[in-house]
Amino acid sequence: MINISIYGKDVQNLLMIDGVNNASILEKLFDVLKDSNLEDMDLARVSAKALNNLQKVPDAGKYWNEGLIERLTELAKSLCDDLDGIMEVATDEEQLEIIPLRDILNAICQDVPEVLRKCPISSCGRKFKDAADLENHISRRHPDVNNK
């Protein structure tokens, strides 16, 4: 899965089926990461690495939805906190297993794809990072839309 998510020519096909966003692969990887426990450190590391790689595909924001990004960021931060607590009492050998997962979780938080909101006016084409900017744009540039 890691190789497919970073090197596969058809990675965008993995995320799209018949031109439709297929978030199910992202959701499934999220569930694997969420459900893996510390006994499944390798499984957690593989799913986290695949998710991190899929954050970096071209135009990643169109494959990720805001809810999934928010849940993944919260999960990564929570897992980092848990791992930090474990690191305080872990043996050197256990720390060698924990550190790579911790590094991947940090990368997930840093590489969050931006979901862009498109202006609903078909002739406009502008995109915005947050809803407030889109609303401001519409009220300034397309005031007739608000009156409908």
N, C-alpha and C. Protein backbone atom coordinates (compact mmCIF):
# COMPACT_ATOMS: atom_id res chain seq x y z
N MET A 1 0.82 -1.20 0.00
CA MET A 1 0.00 0.00 0.00
C MET A 1 0.86 1.26 0.00
N ILE A 2 1.95 1.23 0.75
CA ILE A 2 2.81 2.42 0.79
C ILE A 2 3.36 2.69 -0.60
N ASN A 3 3.82 1.67 -1.30
CA ASN A 3 4.37 1.86 -2.63
C ASN A 3 3.33 2.37 -3.61
N ILE A 4 2.13 1.84 -3.54
CA ILE A 4 1.06 2.31 -4.42
C ILE A 4 0.77 3.78 -4.13
N SER A 5 0.76 4.14 -2.86
CA SER A 5 0.36 5.50 -2.51
C SER A 5 1.41 6.54 -2.88
N ILE A 6 2.65 6.14 -3.08
CA ILE A 6 3.66 7.15 -3.43
C ILE A 6 4.20 6.99 -4.84
N TYR A 7 4.33 5.75 -5.29
CA TYR A 7 4.97 5.54 -6.58
C TYR A 7 4.01 5.12 -7.68
N GLY A 8 2.86 4.67 -7.32
CA GLY A 8 1.94 4.16 -8.33
C GLY A 8 1.54 5.22 -9.33
N LYS A 9 1.64 4.89 -10.62
CA LYS A 9 1.23 5.81 -11.67
C LYS A 9 -0.24 6.15 -11.53
N ASP A 10 -1.00 5.17 -11.10
CA ASP A 10 -2.44 5.33 -11.06
C ASP A 10 -2.95 5.69 -9.67
N VAL A 11 -2.14 6.43 -8.91
CA VAL A 11 -2.57 6.77 -7.55
C VAL A 11 -3.86 7.59 -7.58
N GLN A 12 -4.01 8.44 -8.58
CA GLN A 12 -5.24 9.21 -8.66
C GLN A 12 -6.43 8.32 -9.00
N ASN A 13 -6.18 7.22 -9.73
CA ASN A 13 -7.26 6.26 -9.99
C ASN A 13 -7.67 5.56 -8.70
N LEU A 14 -6.72 5.39 -7.81
CA LEU A 14 -7.01 4.80 -6.50
C LEU A 14 -7.97 5.70 -5.72
N LEU A 15 -7.83 6.98 -5.92
CA LEU A 15 -8.65 7.95 -5.19
C LEU A 15 -9.92 8.36 -5.94
N MET A 16 -10.00 8.00 -7.21
CA MET A 16 -11.17 8.34 -8.01
C MET A 16 -11.67 7.06 -8.69
N ILE A 17 -12.96 6.87 -8.72
CA ILE A 17 -13.56 5.76 -9.46
C ILE A 17 -14.59 6.35 -10.41
N ASP A 18 -14.39 6.11 -11.70
CA ASP A 18 -15.27 6.66 -12.73
C ASP A 18 -15.43 8.17 -12.59
N GLY A 19 -14.33 8.85 -12.28
CA GLY A 19 -14.35 10.30 -12.16
C GLY A 19 -14.99 10.83 -10.89
N VAL A 20 -15.35 9.94 -9.98
CA VAL A 20 -15.99 10.35 -8.73
C VAL A 20 -15.02 10.13 -7.59
N ASN A 21 -14.96 11.08 -6.68
CA ASN A 21 -14.08 10.99 -5.52
C ASN A 21 -14.38 9.71 -4.74
N ASN A 22 -13.36 8.89 -4.53
CA ASN A 22 -13.49 7.64 -3.80
C ASN A 22 -12.78 7.77 -2.46
N ALA A 23 -13.40 8.46 -1.54
CA ALA A 23 -12.78 8.67 -0.23
C ALA A 23 -12.75 7.39 0.59
N SER A 24 -13.37 6.33 0.10
CA SER A 24 -13.43 5.12 0.92
C SER A 24 -12.06 4.55 1.22
N ILE A 25 -11.09 4.65 0.30
CA ILE A 25 -9.74 4.14 0.59
C ILE A 25 -9.11 4.97 1.70
N LEU A 26 -9.34 6.27 1.69
CA LEU A 26 -8.82 7.13 2.75
C LEU A 26 -9.50 6.81 4.08
N GLU A 27 -10.82 6.61 4.03
CA GLU A 27 -11.57 6.26 5.24
C GLU A 27 -11.09 4.93 5.82
N LYS A 28 -10.83 3.97 4.95
CA LYS A 28 -10.39 2.65 5.42
C LYS A 28 -9.00 2.73 6.05
N LEU A 29 -8.11 3.49 5.43
CA LEU A 29 -6.78 3.66 6.02
C LEU A 29 -6.88 4.39 7.36
N PHE A 30 -7.76 5.38 7.43
CA PHE A 30 -8.00 6.09 8.69
C PHE A 30 -8.47 5.11 9.76
N ASP A 31 -9.44 4.26 9.40
CA ASP A 31 -9.97 3.28 10.35
C ASP A 31 -8.89 2.31 10.82
N VAL A 32 -8.02 1.89 9.91
CA VAL A 32 -6.92 0.99 10.31
C VAL A 32 -6.02 1.68 11.32
N LEU A 33 -5.68 2.93 11.05
CA LEU A 33 -4.83 3.68 11.98
C LEU A 33 -5.53 3.86 13.32
N LYS A 34 -6.80 4.21 13.27
CA LYS A 34 -7.57 4.45 14.50
C LYS A 34 -7.71 3.17 15.32
N ASP A 35 -7.93 2.04 14.65
CA ASP A 35 -8.20 0.80 15.35
C ASP A 35 -6.95 0.02 15.74
N SER A 36 -5.81 0.38 15.15
CA SER A 36 -4.59 -0.35 15.52
C SER A 36 -4.16 0.11 16.91
N ASN A 37 -3.71 -0.83 17.69
CA ASN A 37 -3.24 -0.46 19.03
C ASN A 37 -1.73 -0.57 19.06
N LEU A 38 -1.17 -0.33 20.20
CA LEU A 38 0.28 -0.31 20.28
C LEU A 38 0.91 -1.67 20.04
N GLU A 39 0.13 -2.71 20.14
CA GLU A 39 0.63 -4.04 19.80
C GLU A 39 0.74 -4.20 18.29
N ASP A 40 0.02 -3.35 17.54
CA ASP A 40 0.03 -3.38 16.08
C ASP A 40 0.82 -2.20 15.53
N MET A 41 1.96 -1.93 16.12
CA MET A 41 2.77 -0.76 15.75
C MET A 41 3.11 -0.76 14.25
N ASP A 42 3.43 -1.94 13.70
CA ASP A 42 3.75 -2.02 12.27
C ASP A 42 2.55 -1.66 11.41
N LEU A 43 1.38 -2.16 11.79
CA LEU A 43 0.16 -1.86 11.05
C LEU A 43 -0.15 -0.36 11.11
N ALA A 44 -0.02 0.21 12.29
CA ALA A 44 -0.25 1.65 12.45
C ALA A 44 0.73 2.44 11.59
N ARG A 45 1.98 2.02 11.57
CA ARG A 45 3.01 2.73 10.80
C ARG A 45 2.70 2.65 9.30
N VAL A 46 2.28 1.48 8.81
CA VAL A 46 1.97 1.33 7.38
C VAL A 46 0.77 2.20 6.99
N SER A 47 -0.28 2.16 7.78
CA SER A 47 -1.46 2.96 7.42
C SER A 47 -1.15 4.45 7.53
N ALA A 48 -0.40 4.85 8.55
CA ALA A 48 -0.04 6.27 8.70
C ALA A 48 0.83 6.73 7.54
N LYS A 49 1.77 5.90 7.13
CA LYS A 49 2.65 6.26 6.01
C LYS A 49 1.86 6.37 4.71
N ALA A 50 0.95 5.42 4.47
CA ALA A 50 0.12 5.48 3.26
C ALA A 50 -0.74 6.75 3.27
N LEU A 51 -1.34 7.07 4.41
CA LEU A 51 -2.15 8.30 4.50
C LEU A 51 -1.30 9.53 4.24
N ASN A 52 -0.11 9.56 4.83
CA ASN A 52 0.77 10.71 4.62
C ASN A 52 1.17 10.83 3.16
N ASN A 53 1.47 9.72 2.51
CA ASN A 53 1.80 9.77 1.09
C ASN A 53 0.63 10.26 0.25
N LEU A 54 -0.59 9.83 0.61
CA LEU A 54 -1.77 10.24 -0.14
C LEU A 54 -2.15 11.69 0.10
N GLN A 55 -1.59 12.30 1.15
CA GLN A 55 -1.78 13.73 1.35
C GLN A 55 -0.98 14.54 0.34
N LYS A 56 0.00 13.91 -0.28
CA LYS A 56 0.94 14.63 -1.13
C LYS A 56 0.69 14.44 -2.63
N VAL A 57 -0.36 13.71 -2.99
CA VAL A 57 -0.64 13.53 -4.42
C VAL A 57 -1.02 14.88 -5.02
N PRO A 58 -0.77 15.06 -6.33
CA PRO A 58 -1.17 16.32 -6.95
C PRO A 58 -2.66 16.60 -6.73
N ASP A 59 -2.97 17.84 -6.41
CA ASP A 59 -4.34 18.27 -6.15
C ASP A 59 -5.00 17.46 -5.04
N ALA A 60 -4.25 17.16 -4.00
CA ALA A 60 -4.74 16.32 -2.90
C ALA A 60 -6.04 16.85 -2.31
N GLY A 61 -6.20 18.17 -2.28
CA GLY A 61 -7.38 18.76 -1.68
C GLY A 61 -8.69 18.33 -2.29
N LYS A 62 -8.66 17.90 -3.55
CA LYS A 62 -9.93 17.47 -4.17
C LYS A 62 -10.30 16.04 -3.79
N TYR A 63 -9.38 15.30 -3.21
CA TYR A 63 -9.67 13.92 -2.79
C TYR A 63 -10.03 13.83 -1.31
N TRP A 64 -9.57 14.78 -0.55
CA TRP A 64 -9.79 14.77 0.90
C TRP A 64 -10.96 15.69 1.21
N ASN A 65 -11.81 15.29 2.15
CA ASN A 65 -12.87 16.20 2.57
C ASN A 65 -12.51 16.78 3.93
N GLU A 66 -13.12 17.89 4.26
CA GLU A 66 -12.78 18.60 5.50
C GLU A 66 -12.97 17.73 6.74
N GLY A 67 -14.04 16.95 6.75
CA GLY A 67 -14.31 16.11 7.92
C GLY A 67 -13.21 15.09 8.14
N LEU A 68 -12.76 14.46 7.07
CA LEU A 68 -11.70 13.46 7.18
C LEU A 68 -10.39 14.11 7.59
N ILE A 69 -10.08 15.26 7.02
CA ILE A 69 -8.85 15.97 7.39
C ILE A 69 -8.88 16.32 8.87
N GLU A 70 -10.01 16.82 9.33
CA GLU A 70 -10.13 17.19 10.75
C GLU A 70 -9.99 15.97 11.65
N ARG A 71 -10.67 14.87 11.29
CA ARG A 71 -10.59 13.64 12.10
C ARG A 71 -9.18 13.06 12.11
N LEU A 72 -8.52 13.10 10.94
CA LEU A 72 -7.16 12.56 10.85
C LEU A 72 -6.20 13.41 11.67
N THR A 73 -6.33 14.71 11.60
CA THR A 73 -5.46 15.59 12.38
C THR A 73 -5.67 15.37 13.87
N GLU A 74 -6.93 15.28 14.30
CA GLU A 74 -7.22 15.01 15.72
C GLU A 74 -6.66 13.66 16.16
N LEU A 75 -6.85 12.63 15.32
CA LEU A 75 -6.34 11.31 15.65
C LEU A 75 -4.82 11.31 15.75
N ALA A 76 -4.16 11.95 14.78
CA ALA A 76 -2.69 12.00 14.78
C ALA A 76 -2.18 12.70 16.04
N LYS A 77 -2.82 13.81 16.40
CA LYS A 77 -2.39 14.53 17.61
C LYS A 77 -2.64 13.69 18.86
N SER A 78 -3.77 13.01 18.91
CA SER A 78 -4.08 12.16 20.06
C SER A 78 -3.08 11.01 20.17
N LEU A 79 -2.78 10.37 19.03
CA LEU A 79 -1.80 9.29 19.05
C LEU A 79 -0.42 9.79 19.43
N CYS A 80 -0.06 10.98 18.98
CA CYS A 80 1.23 11.57 19.37
C CYS A 80 1.29 11.77 20.88
N ASP A 81 0.21 12.28 21.45
CA ASP A 81 0.16 12.47 22.91
C ASP A 81 0.31 11.13 23.63
N ASP A 82 -0.40 10.10 23.12
CA ASP A 82 -0.29 8.77 23.72
C ASP A 82 1.14 8.24 23.63
N LEU A 83 1.74 8.40 22.46
CA LEU A 83 3.10 7.90 22.26
C LEU A 83 4.10 8.67 23.13
N ASP A 84 3.86 9.96 23.29
CA ASP A 84 4.75 10.75 24.17
C ASP A 84 4.71 10.22 25.60
N GLY A 85 3.52 9.88 26.06
CA GLY A 85 3.38 9.33 27.40
C GLY A 85 4.09 7.99 27.53
N ILE A 86 3.99 7.18 26.50
CA ILE A 86 4.63 5.86 26.52
C ILE A 86 6.15 6.01 26.44
N MET A 87 6.61 6.99 25.67
CA MET A 87 8.05 7.19 25.52
C MET A 87 8.73 7.47 26.86
N GLU A 88 7.99 8.09 27.76
CA GLU A 88 8.57 8.42 29.07
C GLU A 88 8.95 7.17 29.87
N VAL A 89 8.24 6.06 29.63
CA VAL A 89 8.51 4.84 30.40
C VAL A 89 9.01 3.69 29.52
N ALA A 90 9.15 3.93 28.22
CA ALA A 90 9.55 2.87 27.30
C ALA A 90 11.04 2.57 27.41
N THR A 91 11.36 1.32 27.12
CA THR A 91 12.76 0.92 27.06
C THR A 91 13.36 1.48 25.77
N ASP A 92 14.67 1.44 25.68
CA ASP A 92 15.34 1.91 24.47
C ASP A 92 14.84 1.16 23.24
N GLU A 93 14.65 -0.13 23.37
CA GLU A 93 14.17 -0.96 22.26
C GLU A 93 12.75 -0.55 21.85
N GLU A 94 11.89 -0.29 22.82
CA GLU A 94 10.52 0.15 22.51
C GLU A 94 10.52 1.52 21.86
N GLN A 95 11.40 2.38 22.31
CA GLN A 95 11.50 3.71 21.72
C GLN A 95 11.89 3.65 20.25
N LEU A 96 12.75 2.69 19.90
CA LEU A 96 13.14 2.52 18.50
C LEU A 96 11.96 2.14 17.63
N GLU A 97 10.96 1.48 18.20
CA GLU A 97 9.74 1.15 17.45
C GLU A 97 8.77 2.33 17.40
N ILE A 98 8.74 3.11 18.46
CA ILE A 98 7.77 4.20 18.58
C ILE A 98 8.17 5.42 17.76
N ILE A 99 9.44 5.75 17.75
CA ILE A 99 9.89 6.99 17.11
C ILE A 99 9.49 7.08 15.63
N PRO A 100 9.64 6.02 14.81
CA PRO A 100 9.23 6.17 13.41
C PRO A 100 7.73 6.47 13.24
N LEU A 101 6.89 5.85 14.06
CA LEU A 101 5.45 6.14 13.99
C LEU A 101 5.20 7.58 14.42
N ARG A 102 5.85 8.01 15.45
CA ARG A 102 5.69 9.39 15.95
C ARG A 102 6.08 10.38 14.85
N ASP A 103 7.17 10.10 14.14
CA ASP A 103 7.62 10.98 13.06
C ASP A 103 6.59 11.05 11.93
N ILE A 104 6.01 9.90 11.58
CA ILE A 104 4.99 9.89 10.51
C ILE A 104 3.75 10.66 10.95
N LEU A 105 3.34 10.50 12.20
CA LEU A 105 2.17 11.23 12.70
C LEU A 105 2.41 12.73 12.69
N ASN A 106 3.63 13.15 13.02
CA ASN A 106 3.97 14.58 12.92
C ASN A 106 3.86 15.05 11.48
N ALA A 107 4.35 14.23 10.55
CA ALA A 107 4.29 14.60 9.14
C ALA A 107 2.84 14.72 8.67
N ILE A 108 1.98 13.83 9.15
CA ILE A 108 0.55 13.90 8.79
C ILE A 108 -0.02 15.26 9.20
N CYS A 109 0.31 15.70 10.40
CA CYS A 109 -0.21 16.99 10.88
C CYS A 109 0.35 18.17 10.07
N GLN A 110 1.58 18.03 9.59
CA GLN A 110 2.21 19.12 8.84
C GLN A 110 1.80 19.15 7.38
N ASP A 111 1.42 18.02 6.81
CA ASP A 111 1.13 17.92 5.39
C ASP A 111 -0.36 17.89 5.07
N VAL A 112 -1.18 18.46 5.92
CA VAL A 112 -2.62 18.42 5.72
C VAL A 112 -2.99 19.10 4.40
N PRO A 113 -3.69 18.38 3.52
CA PRO A 113 -4.08 19.00 2.24
C PRO A 113 -5.13 20.09 2.46
N GLU A 114 -5.09 21.07 1.61
CA GLU A 114 -6.07 22.15 1.69
C GLU A 114 -7.26 21.82 0.81
N VAL A 115 -8.42 21.91 1.38
CA VAL A 115 -9.65 21.72 0.62
C VAL A 115 -10.09 23.10 0.15
N LEU A 116 -10.17 23.26 -1.16
CA LEU A 116 -10.57 24.55 -1.72
C LEU A 116 -12.05 24.55 -2.07
N ARG A 117 -12.70 25.65 -1.77
CA ARG A 117 -14.11 25.81 -2.07
C ARG A 117 -14.24 26.63 -3.36
N LYS A 118 -14.98 26.10 -4.31
CA LYS A 118 -15.16 26.77 -5.59
C LYS A 118 -16.29 27.77 -5.50
N CYS A 119 -16.10 28.87 -6.20
CA CYS A 119 -17.18 29.83 -6.34
C CYS A 119 -18.29 29.15 -7.13
N PRO A 120 -19.54 29.28 -6.67
CA PRO A 120 -20.65 28.60 -7.35
C PRO A 120 -21.00 29.20 -8.72
N ILE A 121 -20.44 30.35 -9.04
CA ILE A 121 -20.70 30.97 -10.33
C ILE A 121 -19.81 30.29 -11.37
N SER A 122 -20.40 29.59 -12.31
CA SER A 122 -19.65 28.75 -13.25
C SER A 122 -18.63 29.55 -14.06
N SER A 123 -18.91 30.80 -14.35
CA SER A 123 -17.99 31.61 -15.15
C SER A 123 -16.85 32.20 -14.33
N CYS A 124 -16.88 32.04 -13.03
CA CYS A 124 -15.89 32.68 -12.16
C CYS A 124 -14.62 31.84 -12.01
N GLY A 125 -14.74 30.65 -11.47
CA GLY A 125 -13.58 29.77 -11.34
C GLY A 125 -12.69 30.02 -10.13
N ARG A 126 -12.97 31.01 -9.29
CA ARG A 126 -12.14 31.27 -8.11
C ARG A 126 -12.34 30.18 -7.07
N LYS A 127 -11.28 29.93 -6.29
CA LYS A 127 -11.32 28.94 -5.22
C LYS A 127 -10.76 29.57 -3.95
N PHE A 128 -11.32 29.13 -2.81
CA PHE A 128 -10.95 29.73 -1.52
C PHE A 128 -10.68 28.66 -0.48
N LYS A 129 -9.79 29.00 0.46
CA LYS A 129 -9.40 28.04 1.49
C LYS A 129 -10.45 27.90 2.58
N ASP A 130 -11.19 28.94 2.86
CA ASP A 130 -12.22 28.77 3.89
C ASP A 130 -13.54 29.41 3.47
N ALA A 131 -14.58 28.99 4.15
CA ALA A 131 -15.94 29.40 3.78
C ALA A 131 -16.14 30.90 3.90
N ALA A 132 -15.52 31.51 4.90
CA ALA A 132 -15.68 32.96 5.09
C ALA A 132 -15.13 33.74 3.90
N ASP A 133 -13.99 33.32 3.38
CA ASP A 133 -13.42 34.00 2.21
C ASP A 133 -14.32 33.84 0.99
N LEU A 134 -14.88 32.65 0.83
CA LEU A 134 -15.81 32.42 -0.29
C LEU A 134 -17.04 33.31 -0.14
N GLU A 135 -17.61 33.37 1.05
CA GLU A 135 -18.78 34.22 1.28
C GLU A 135 -18.47 35.69 1.00
N ASN A 136 -17.31 36.15 1.45
CA ASN A 136 -16.91 37.54 1.19
C ASN A 136 -16.78 37.79 -0.31
N HIS A 137 -16.17 36.86 -1.01
CA HIS A 137 -16.01 36.97 -2.46
C HIS A 137 -17.38 37.07 -3.14
N ILE A 138 -18.29 36.20 -2.76
CA ILE A 138 -19.62 36.19 -3.39
C ILE A 138 -20.34 37.50 -3.12
N SER A 139 -20.27 37.99 -1.89
CA SER A 139 -20.98 39.24 -1.58
C SER A 139 -20.36 40.44 -2.31
N ARG A 140 -19.03 40.41 -2.52
CA ARG A 140 -18.37 41.52 -3.22
C ARG A 140 -18.50 41.42 -4.74
N ARG A 141 -18.25 40.22 -5.27
CA ARG A 141 -18.17 40.06 -6.72
C ARG A 141 -19.46 39.60 -7.39
N HIS A 142 -20.31 38.95 -6.62
CA HIS A 142 -21.57 38.40 -7.16
C HIS A 142 -22.73 38.73 -6.24
N PRO A 143 -22.97 40.02 -5.98
CA PRO A 143 -24.01 40.38 -5.00
C PRO A 143 -25.40 39.91 -5.40
N ASP A 144 -25.64 39.72 -6.69
CA ASP A 144 -26.96 39.28 -7.14
C ASP A 144 -27.26 37.85 -6.68
N VAL A 145 -26.24 37.05 -6.37
CA VAL A 145 -26.44 35.67 -5.93
C VAL A 145 -27.08 35.68 -4.54
N ASN A 146 -26.69 36.61 -3.69
CA ASN A 146 -27.23 36.69 -2.33
C ASN A 146 -28.70 37.13 -2.31
N ASN A 147 -29.14 37.79 -3.36
CA ASN A 147 -30.52 38.29 -3.39
C ASN A 147 -31.51 37.27 -3.92
N LYS A 148 -30.99 36.14 -4.38
CA LYS A 148 -31.90 35.14 -4.98
C LYS A 148 -32.49 34.25 -3.95
